[in-house]
Protein backbone atom coordinates (compact mmCIF):
# COMPACT_ATOMS: atom_id res chain seq x y z
CA UNK A 1 60.15 -27.54 64.28
CA UNK A 2 61.83 -29.24 61.39
CA UNK A 3 59.78 -32.30 62.14
CA UNK A 4 56.50 -30.34 61.84
CA UNK A 5 57.55 -28.59 58.65
CA UNK A 6 58.59 -31.93 57.16
CA UNK A 7 55.24 -33.41 58.13
CA UNK A 8 53.30 -30.49 56.60
CA UNK A 9 55.37 -30.75 53.43
CA UNK A 10 54.53 -34.46 53.16
CA UNK A 11 50.81 -33.75 53.68
CA UNK A 12 50.88 -31.06 50.94
CA UNK A 13 52.75 -33.34 48.51
CA UNK A 14 50.29 -36.10 49.22
CA UNK A 15 47.25 -33.79 48.65
CA UNK A 16 48.73 -31.45 46.04
CA UNK A 17 45.56 -31.45 43.82
CA UNK A 18 43.36 -30.40 46.76
CA UNK A 19 45.68 -27.54 47.79
CA UNK A 20 45.90 -26.26 44.21
CA UNK A 21 42.09 -26.27 43.87
CA UNK A 22 41.69 -24.53 47.23
CA UNK A 23 44.23 -21.85 46.25
CA UNK A 24 42.41 -21.29 42.94
CA UNK A 25 39.07 -20.81 44.71
CA UNK A 26 40.60 -18.29 47.14
CA UNK A 27 42.14 -16.38 44.21
CA UNK A 28 38.84 -16.33 42.29
CA UNK A 29 36.92 -14.99 45.32
CA UNK A 30 39.51 -12.28 45.91
CA UNK A 31 39.58 -11.25 42.21
CA UNK A 32 35.74 -11.08 42.05
CA UNK A 33 35.63 -8.79 45.08
CA UNK A 34 38.18 -6.42 43.53
CA UNK A 35 36.25 -6.43 40.16
CA UNK A 36 32.91 -5.65 41.85
CA UNK A 37 34.45 -2.77 43.81
CA UNK A 38 35.92 -1.30 40.60
CA UNK A 39 32.63 -1.85 38.70
CA UNK A 40 30.58 0.03 41.32
CA UNK A 41 33.11 2.87 41.30
CA UNK A 42 32.97 3.07 37.47
CA UNK A 43 29.14 3.09 37.39
CA UNK A 44 29.06 5.90 40.00
CA UNK A 45 31.50 7.91 37.88
CA UNK A 46 29.40 7.37 34.70
CA UNK A 47 26.16 8.41 36.46
CA UNK A 48 27.90 11.47 37.84
CA UNK A 49 29.13 12.34 34.32
CA UNK A 50 25.74 11.93 32.61
CA UNK A 51 24.07 14.04 35.31
CA UNK A 52 26.48 16.82 34.48
CA UNK A 53 24.55 19.61 32.68
CA UNK A 54 27.51 20.50 30.44
CA UNK A 55 27.83 16.91 29.27
CA UNK A 56 24.09 16.79 28.45
CA UNK A 57 24.26 20.00 26.41
CA UNK A 58 27.28 18.76 24.46
CA UNK A 59 25.54 15.42 23.77
CA UNK A 60 22.40 17.19 22.51
CA UNK A 61 24.53 19.36 20.25
CA UNK A 62 26.35 16.33 18.78
CA UNK A 63 23.07 14.42 18.16
CA UNK A 64 21.50 17.52 16.65
CA UNK A 65 24.36 17.82 14.19
CA UNK A 66 23.98 14.16 13.21
CA UNK A 67 20.34 14.80 12.11
CA UNK A 68 20.27 15.89 8.44
CA UNK A 69 19.41 19.55 7.89
CA UNK A 70 17.18 18.92 4.87
CA UNK A 71 14.62 16.16 4.41
CA UNK A 72 13.52 15.07 0.92
CA UNK A 73 9.96 13.73 0.56
CA UNK A 74 8.36 11.85 -2.35
CA UNK A 75 4.66 11.51 -1.53
CA UNK A 76 2.17 9.49 -3.64
CA UNK A 77 -1.32 10.98 -3.37
CA UNK A 78 -3.94 8.72 -1.78
CA UNK A 79 -7.73 8.94 -1.90
CA UNK A 80 -9.10 11.89 0.09
CA UNK A 81 -5.76 13.72 0.35
CA UNK A 82 -5.27 17.35 -0.65
CA UNK A 83 -2.14 19.44 -1.15
CA UNK A 84 -2.67 21.15 2.24
CA UNK A 85 -3.35 17.91 4.15
CA UNK A 86 -0.18 16.31 2.73
CA UNK A 87 2.02 19.21 3.89
CA UNK A 88 0.39 19.25 7.35
CA UNK A 89 1.23 15.55 7.65
CA UNK A 90 4.92 16.59 7.57
CA UNK A 91 4.37 19.42 10.10
CA UNK A 92 4.73 22.24 7.58
CA UNK A 93 3.40 25.48 9.10
CA UNK A 94 0.08 27.03 7.99
CA UNK A 95 1.95 30.20 7.03
CA UNK A 96 4.30 28.27 4.73
CA UNK A 97 1.37 26.34 3.18
CA UNK A 98 -0.50 29.58 2.47
CA UNK A 99 2.57 31.09 0.76
CA UNK A 100 3.04 27.99 -1.41
CA UNK A 101 -0.62 28.10 -2.51
CA UNK A 102 -0.28 31.77 -3.50
CA UNK A 103 2.88 31.06 -5.53
CA UNK A 104 1.26 28.07 -7.29
CA UNK A 105 -1.78 30.16 -8.27
CA UNK A 106 0.52 32.75 -9.86
CA UNK A 107 1.55 30.11 -12.42
CA UNK A 108 -1.53 27.85 -12.58
CA UNK A 109 -5.01 29.41 -12.28
CA UNK A 110 -6.44 26.22 -10.81
CA UNK A 111 -4.81 23.04 -9.60
CA UNK A 112 -6.00 19.83 -8.00
CA UNK A 113 -4.15 16.66 -7.10
CA UNK A 114 -5.30 13.29 -8.41
CA UNK A 115 -4.89 9.85 -6.84
CA UNK A 116 -1.45 8.26 -7.52
CA UNK A 117 0.15 11.55 -8.57
CA UNK A 118 3.58 12.21 -7.02
CA UNK A 119 4.40 15.38 -5.07
CA UNK A 120 8.08 16.00 -4.27
CA UNK A 121 9.33 18.56 -1.77
CA UNK A 122 12.26 19.34 0.56
CA UNK A 123 12.03 21.06 3.94
CA UNK A 124 14.60 22.42 6.40
CA UNK A 125 14.38 20.50 9.69
CA UNK A 126 16.62 23.05 11.42
CA UNK A 127 14.35 25.99 10.48
CA UNK A 128 10.78 25.06 11.56
CA UNK A 129 10.31 22.64 8.63
CA UNK A 130 10.24 25.44 6.06
CA UNK A 131 9.85 24.30 2.45
CA UNK A 132 12.92 24.93 0.29
CA UNK A 133 11.84 23.01 -2.84
CA UNK A 134 8.55 21.80 -4.35
CA UNK A 135 7.71 19.87 -7.53
CA UNK A 136 3.93 19.92 -8.09
CA UNK A 137 2.25 17.82 -10.84
CA UNK A 138 -0.38 19.65 -12.91
CA UNK A 139 -0.79 16.87 -15.50
CA UNK A 140 1.15 13.91 -16.86
CA UNK A 141 3.24 16.27 -18.98
CA UNK A 142 3.34 19.47 -16.93
CA UNK A 143 4.88 20.21 -13.51
CA UNK A 144 5.49 23.37 -11.47
CA UNK A 145 8.83 23.76 -9.71
CA UNK A 146 9.31 26.17 -6.78
CA UNK A 147 12.90 26.56 -5.58
CA UNK A 148 13.76 28.89 -2.68
CA UNK A 149 16.37 31.57 -3.33
CA UNK A 150 18.60 31.70 -0.26
CA UNK A 151 19.64 35.36 -0.66
CA UNK A 152 16.11 36.78 -1.14
CA UNK A 153 14.10 34.17 0.80
CA UNK A 154 11.55 33.83 -1.99
CA UNK A 155 10.65 31.09 -4.49
CA UNK A 156 11.98 30.96 -8.04
CA UNK A 157 9.10 29.62 -10.15
CA UNK A 158 9.51 27.38 -13.18
CA UNK A 159 7.15 25.45 -15.46
CA UNK A 160 8.45 22.04 -16.58
CA UNK A 161 6.74 20.66 -19.70
CA UNK A 162 7.55 17.23 -21.15
CA UNK A 163 7.32 17.26 -24.95
CA UNK A 164 5.57 14.14 -26.23
CA UNK A 165 5.90 12.37 -29.56
CA UNK A 166 3.02 10.44 -31.12
CA UNK A 167 3.66 6.86 -32.18
CA UNK A 168 1.33 4.28 -33.73
CA UNK A 169 1.48 0.69 -32.41
CA UNK A 170 -0.03 -2.46 -33.91
CA UNK A 171 -0.69 -5.57 -31.82
CA UNK A 172 -2.44 -8.80 -32.74
CA UNK A 173 -3.17 -12.05 -31.00
CA UNK A 174 -5.06 -15.30 -30.88
CA UNK A 175 -7.73 -15.44 -28.16
CA UNK A 176 -6.94 -18.43 -25.95
CA UNK A 177 -9.13 -17.81 -22.89
CA UNK A 178 -10.71 -14.35 -23.10
CA UNK A 179 -10.07 -11.20 -25.08
CA UNK A 180 -9.15 -9.37 -21.87
CA UNK A 181 -6.53 -11.93 -20.77
CA UNK A 182 -4.99 -12.21 -24.24
CA UNK A 183 -4.77 -8.43 -24.70
CA UNK A 184 -3.33 -8.05 -21.19
CA UNK A 185 -0.62 -10.64 -21.97
CA UNK A 186 0.35 -8.52 -25.01
CA UNK A 187 0.78 -5.53 -22.65
CA UNK A 188 -1.99 -3.52 -24.30
CA UNK A 189 -3.01 -0.74 -21.87
CA UNK A 190 -6.09 -1.59 -19.80
CA UNK A 191 -8.02 1.51 -20.92
CA UNK A 192 -7.58 0.47 -24.56
CA UNK A 193 -8.81 -3.07 -23.84
CA UNK A 194 -11.97 -1.53 -22.33
CA UNK A 195 -12.30 0.80 -25.33
CA UNK A 196 -11.86 -2.13 -27.75
CA UNK A 197 -14.66 -3.99 -25.96
CA UNK A 198 -16.80 -0.85 -26.05
CA UNK A 199 -16.61 -0.30 -29.81
CA UNK A 200 -17.40 -3.97 -30.49
CA UNK A 201 -19.99 -4.14 -27.71
CA UNK A 202 -22.61 -2.75 -30.10
CA UNK A 203 -22.45 -5.79 -32.38
CA UNK A 204 -20.66 -8.61 -30.49
CA UNK A 205 -21.82 -10.64 -27.50
CA UNK A 206 -18.50 -11.32 -25.79
CA UNK A 207 -19.89 -14.39 -24.02
CA UNK A 208 -21.56 -16.14 -26.97
CA UNK A 209 -19.81 -14.87 -30.08
CA UNK A 210 -16.12 -15.29 -29.22
CA UNK A 211 -14.56 -18.76 -29.54
CA UNK A 212 -11.15 -20.11 -28.62
CA UNK A 213 -8.55 -19.32 -31.32
CA UNK A 214 -10.50 -16.37 -32.72
CA UNK A 215 -8.17 -13.54 -33.68
CA UNK A 216 -7.94 -9.77 -33.14
CA UNK A 217 -5.87 -6.80 -34.31
CA UNK A 218 -5.58 -3.35 -32.79
CA UNK A 219 -3.71 -0.25 -34.00
CA UNK A 220 -3.57 2.63 -31.51
CA UNK A 221 -1.83 5.91 -30.68
CA UNK A 222 0.59 6.41 -27.80
CA UNK A 223 2.31 9.61 -26.68
CA UNK A 224 5.82 9.19 -25.31
CA UNK A 225 8.83 11.29 -24.31
CA UNK A 226 12.29 11.26 -25.90
CA UNK A 227 13.22 8.22 -23.77
CA UNK A 228 10.27 6.21 -25.19
CA UNK A 229 8.38 6.35 -21.90
CA UNK A 230 4.62 6.24 -22.61
CA UNK A 231 2.71 9.02 -20.84
CA UNK A 232 -0.76 8.50 -22.29
CA UNK A 233 -2.69 6.70 -25.00
CA UNK A 234 -4.78 8.12 -27.83
CA UNK A 235 -7.41 6.74 -30.19
CA UNK A 236 -7.81 3.20 -31.49
CA UNK A 237 -7.18 3.97 -35.17
CA UNK A 238 -8.04 0.49 -36.45
CA UNK A 239 -9.50 -2.67 -34.94
CA UNK A 240 -10.46 -6.07 -36.26
CA UNK A 241 -12.15 -8.96 -34.49
CA UNK A 242 -11.97 -12.09 -36.64
CA UNK A 243 -14.70 -14.46 -35.45
CA UNK A 244 -14.76 -17.92 -37.03
CA UNK A 245 -12.67 -16.59 -39.97
CA UNK A 246 -15.05 -13.66 -40.55
CA UNK A 247 -13.34 -10.27 -40.39
CA UNK A 248 -15.05 -7.29 -38.68
CA UNK A 249 -12.75 -4.31 -39.34
CA UNK A 250 -13.45 -0.87 -37.81
CA UNK A 251 -11.78 2.44 -38.72
CA UNK A 252 -11.48 5.65 -36.75
CA UNK A 253 -12.70 8.69 -38.67
CA UNK A 254 -12.88 12.32 -37.56
CA UNK A 255 -13.85 15.54 -39.29
CA UNK A 256 -15.79 18.65 -38.27
CA UNK A 257 -19.13 16.83 -38.05
CA UNK A 258 -18.26 13.17 -37.45
CA UNK A 259 -16.08 11.34 -34.98
CA UNK A 260 -16.06 7.66 -34.15
CA UNK A 261 -15.51 4.17 -35.51
CA UNK A 262 -17.05 3.02 -38.78
CA UNK A 263 -17.15 -0.32 -40.59
CA UNK A 264 -15.73 -0.97 -44.06
CA UNK A 265 -18.80 0.57 -45.76
CA UNK A 266 -18.76 3.79 -43.70
CA UNK A 267 -21.52 2.75 -41.30
CA UNK A 268 -21.20 3.91 -37.67
CA UNK A 269 -21.00 1.08 -35.17
CA UNK A 270 -22.73 3.15 -32.50
CA UNK A 271 -26.21 1.98 -31.57
CA UNK A 272 -28.67 3.06 -28.91
CA UNK A 273 -27.50 0.41 -26.38
CA UNK A 274 -24.56 -1.99 -26.19
CA UNK A 275 -25.43 -5.67 -26.38
CA UNK A 276 -23.06 -6.61 -23.55
CA UNK A 277 -21.89 -3.95 -21.02
CA UNK A 278 -19.03 -6.09 -19.71
CA UNK A 279 -15.98 -7.76 -21.26
CA UNK A 280 -14.82 -11.33 -20.71
CA UNK A 281 -17.95 -12.43 -18.82
CA UNK A 282 -19.95 -15.66 -18.95
CA UNK A 283 -23.73 -15.61 -19.33
CA UNK A 284 -24.71 -17.29 -16.07
CA UNK A 285 -28.48 -16.72 -16.03
CA UNK A 286 -30.65 -15.56 -18.90
CA UNK A 287 -33.93 -13.62 -18.93
CA UNK A 288 -37.00 -15.76 -18.03
CA UNK A 289 -38.38 -18.17 -15.42
CA UNK A 290 -35.82 -19.78 -13.12
CA UNK A 291 -35.37 -21.24 -9.64
CA UNK A 292 -33.91 -18.46 -7.49
CA UNK A 293 -30.48 -19.59 -6.18
CA UNK A 294 -31.07 -18.06 -2.70
CA UNK A 295 -34.85 -17.87 -2.18
CA UNK A 296 -35.27 -21.41 -3.53
CA UNK A 297 -38.54 -20.93 -5.42
CA UNK A 298 -39.24 -20.44 -9.12
CA UNK A 299 -39.80 -16.86 -10.22
CA UNK A 300 -39.35 -14.60 -13.22
CA UNK A 301 -35.78 -13.39 -13.74
CA UNK A 302 -36.24 -10.00 -15.39
CA UNK A 303 -32.63 -9.42 -16.30
CA UNK A 304 -29.46 -11.08 -17.59
CA UNK A 305 -26.63 -12.23 -15.31
CA UNK A 306 -23.00 -12.17 -16.43
CA UNK A 307 -20.50 -14.04 -14.22
CA UNK A 308 -17.08 -12.38 -14.09
CA UNK A 309 -14.20 -11.96 -11.62
CA UNK A 310 -14.64 -9.38 -8.87
CA UNK A 311 -13.38 -5.99 -10.01
CA UNK A 312 -14.10 -6.48 -13.73
CA UNK A 313 -15.10 -3.06 -15.20
CA UNK A 314 -18.81 -2.51 -16.00
CA UNK A 315 -19.66 -0.05 -18.78
CA UNK A 316 -22.68 2.16 -19.41
CA UNK A 317 -24.46 0.52 -22.34
CA UNK A 318 -25.52 3.89 -23.75
CA UNK A 319 -25.37 7.67 -23.26
CA UNK A 320 -27.61 8.87 -20.46
CA UNK A 321 -28.08 10.31 -16.98
CA UNK A 322 -27.67 8.38 -13.72
CA UNK A 323 -30.98 8.44 -11.83
CA UNK A 324 -29.97 5.96 -9.09
CA UNK A 325 -26.61 5.15 -7.51
CA UNK A 326 -27.05 3.54 -4.09
CA UNK A 327 -27.73 0.35 -2.15
CA UNK A 328 -30.73 -1.40 -3.71
CA UNK A 329 -31.54 -4.12 -1.14
CA UNK A 330 -31.20 -7.53 -2.81
CA UNK A 331 -29.48 -5.88 -5.76
CA UNK A 332 -26.66 -4.59 -3.54
CA UNK A 333 -24.80 -1.62 -4.96
CA UNK A 334 -26.66 -0.67 -8.12
CA UNK A 335 -26.85 2.07 -10.76
CA UNK A 336 -29.80 2.97 -12.97
CA UNK A 337 -29.28 5.04 -16.13
CA UNK A 338 -32.01 6.80 -18.10
CA UNK A 339 -30.94 6.87 -21.77
CA UNK A 340 -33.93 8.56 -23.38
CA UNK A 341 -37.72 8.67 -23.11
CA UNK A 342 -37.89 4.97 -24.05
CA UNK A 343 -34.94 3.12 -22.52
CA UNK A 344 -33.34 2.76 -19.07
CA UNK A 345 -30.80 0.20 -17.82
CA UNK A 346 -29.95 -1.22 -14.38
CA UNK A 347 -26.58 -2.64 -13.19
CA UNK A 348 -26.66 -4.53 -9.86
CA UNK A 349 -24.44 -6.39 -7.32
CA UNK A 350 -21.47 -4.06 -7.94
CA UNK A 351 -18.50 -4.26 -5.58
CA UNK A 352 -18.17 -0.48 -5.86
CA UNK A 353 -19.04 2.47 -8.08
CA UNK A 354 -16.48 4.14 -10.34
CA UNK A 355 -15.21 7.51 -9.15
CA UNK A 356 -17.76 10.34 -9.52
CA UNK A 357 -20.78 8.13 -10.23
CA UNK A 358 -23.76 9.84 -8.58
CA UNK A 359 -27.36 10.83 -9.32
CA UNK A 360 -27.50 13.51 -12.03
CA UNK A 361 -24.12 12.58 -13.56
CA UNK A 362 -24.20 12.32 -17.37
CA UNK A 363 -22.31 9.30 -18.72
CA UNK A 364 -21.15 8.32 -22.19
CA UNK A 365 -21.65 4.99 -23.89
CA UNK A 366 -18.84 2.61 -22.87
CA UNK A 367 -17.79 4.69 -19.85
CA UNK A 368 -16.83 2.58 -16.81
CA UNK A 369 -19.50 3.14 -14.12
CA UNK A 370 -18.59 0.43 -11.60
CA UNK A 371 -16.99 -2.95 -10.94
CA UNK A 372 -18.29 -6.51 -10.65
CA UNK A 373 -19.03 -7.70 -7.12
CA UNK A 374 -21.34 -9.90 -5.09
CA UNK A 375 -23.23 -7.42 -2.92
CA UNK A 376 -26.86 -7.93 -1.90
CA UNK A 377 -28.56 -11.29 -2.61
CA UNK A 378 -25.82 -12.97 -4.58
CA UNK A 379 -24.08 -16.36 -4.63
CA UNK A 380 -20.94 -15.09 -6.35
CA UNK A 381 -19.42 -12.18 -8.30
CA UNK A 382 -21.57 -11.25 -11.30
CA UNK A 383 -23.41 -8.41 -13.01
CA UNK A 384 -27.22 -8.38 -13.05
CA UNK A 385 -28.16 -6.28 -16.09
CA UNK A 386 -31.65 -5.04 -16.93
CA UNK A 387 -33.03 -3.18 -19.94
CA UNK A 388 -36.29 -1.31 -19.37
CA UNK A 389 -38.37 -0.24 -22.38
CA UNK A 390 -41.25 2.15 -21.68
CA UNK A 391 -41.29 1.03 -18.02
CA UNK A 392 -41.25 -2.72 -18.81
CA UNK A 393 -38.21 -5.01 -18.33
CA UNK A 394 -37.27 -6.78 -21.56
CA UNK A 395 -34.70 -9.34 -22.69
CA UNK A 396 -31.52 -7.39 -23.49
CA UNK A 397 -30.10 -10.24 -25.60
CA UNK A 398 -32.96 -10.26 -28.12
CA UNK A 399 -33.33 -6.48 -28.29
CA UNK A 400 -33.14 -5.16 -31.86
CA UNK A 401 -31.88 -1.59 -32.07
CA UNK A 402 -31.48 0.71 -35.07
CA UNK A 403 -28.01 0.98 -36.60
CA UNK A 404 -25.93 4.13 -36.47
CA UNK A 405 -25.64 6.68 -39.25
CA UNK A 406 -24.02 6.00 -42.64
CA UNK A 407 -21.49 8.45 -44.09
CA UNK A 408 -22.60 9.91 -47.41
CA UNK A 409 -21.41 12.33 -50.09
CA UNK A 410 -18.19 14.18 -49.36
CA UNK A 411 -17.99 12.65 -45.85
CA UNK A 412 -17.92 9.19 -47.43
CA UNK A 413 -15.12 10.22 -49.84
CA UNK A 414 -13.02 11.56 -46.94
CA UNK A 415 -13.64 8.36 -45.00
CA UNK A 416 -12.52 6.18 -47.93
CA UNK A 417 -9.24 8.11 -48.14
CA UNK A 418 -8.72 7.70 -44.36
CA UNK A 419 -9.58 3.98 -44.53
CA UNK A 420 -7.00 3.33 -47.28
CA UNK A 421 -4.33 5.29 -45.38
CA UNK A 422 -4.97 3.27 -42.21
CA UNK A 423 -4.82 -0.05 -44.09
CA UNK A 424 -1.48 0.95 -45.68
CA UNK A 425 -0.07 2.14 -42.34
CA UNK A 426 -1.12 -1.09 -40.61
CA UNK A 427 0.57 -3.22 -43.29
CA UNK A 428 3.78 -1.17 -43.09
CA UNK A 429 3.89 -1.46 -39.28
CA UNK A 430 3.32 -5.22 -39.36
CA UNK A 431 6.07 -5.65 -41.97
CA UNK A 432 8.40 -3.40 -39.97
CA UNK A 433 8.64 -0.77 -42.70
CA UNK A 434 7.67 2.03 -40.29
């Protein structure tokens, strides 16, 4: 027996690495089996626990408590949205919506949301999404606040009005590329850039008359709150476009009978039609015979083409009534305006119409009616502009129109006083004395 044990011991010593490896494999197999048995038992216990109805109810209660009771919403109004449609989007009940409308009408006789306005409200997710707070914009400076009283379950109504202060700003700059780009770089509001182009559009061809390094000045009103946040802009009180060292100052004047911009001598700058109904454009094709860029043959071009980036605002060149606003075949999206018994104008290839532009709509001179595009038969973004005189298309660039009225008598005296005041104010603002 001792002999056999001694022999086995020798064999083990001789093959010690093999026996250690074999023992390790046996241990690993045994441990894996025990782990798998415990794992299966644990999974069965977990499944049994989750199937338990009491566990499920407790879990639902815990998750429900984790969900916030109130949800705050800040919604920016998009095109086509109404107050009711916005609330329905957040699953507010019809009954709640009706009550809110009634309460709003008690403060504001009529109300309508505009694109990009902000509506803020809070609703209770634990109580059928009932509104507890609403801040409704009526205008840039007025809001209506409805706050639910918890004891009486009714809204406490409040009108919030932002008091605005008027401030006059002067900006000036050298035109490097275009008036629009230069004014934009000076952070002049877009609507005032368009207005500046409008008042000079009666006497300046923005494609031909403006040169690099020409100069401009603008003095305008802004209305801001106590934190100097600008809410809206007012009138351009003074403007000057210095073309090849020649000054062209314009002054805003208003009394009971007259309102508008006048030159140094009290002459209104308003004429029957603007010379150029677009700012910052390049004359790409003039009135007359030309080879059509698409059809390929020579024909009469009975309008003037102004090349400009897509989306550039297009203005009505005079007061009038829209008699066409639709797709015009080769002209793409086009608008036709009847100004009086003599003159009509056509604007073609628009990317889109401005809001509210439709047949029968009365428009004012300089009002934006659409935006530059390349619709219809077009090789690139541009405005095709036509002037029609007594039913015949004529060259808009050679059209001579009568000047506006001249202030006389007491009106002229009042204007002179206003002109001197504006010149003094401009100088004080530029020197930093105001």
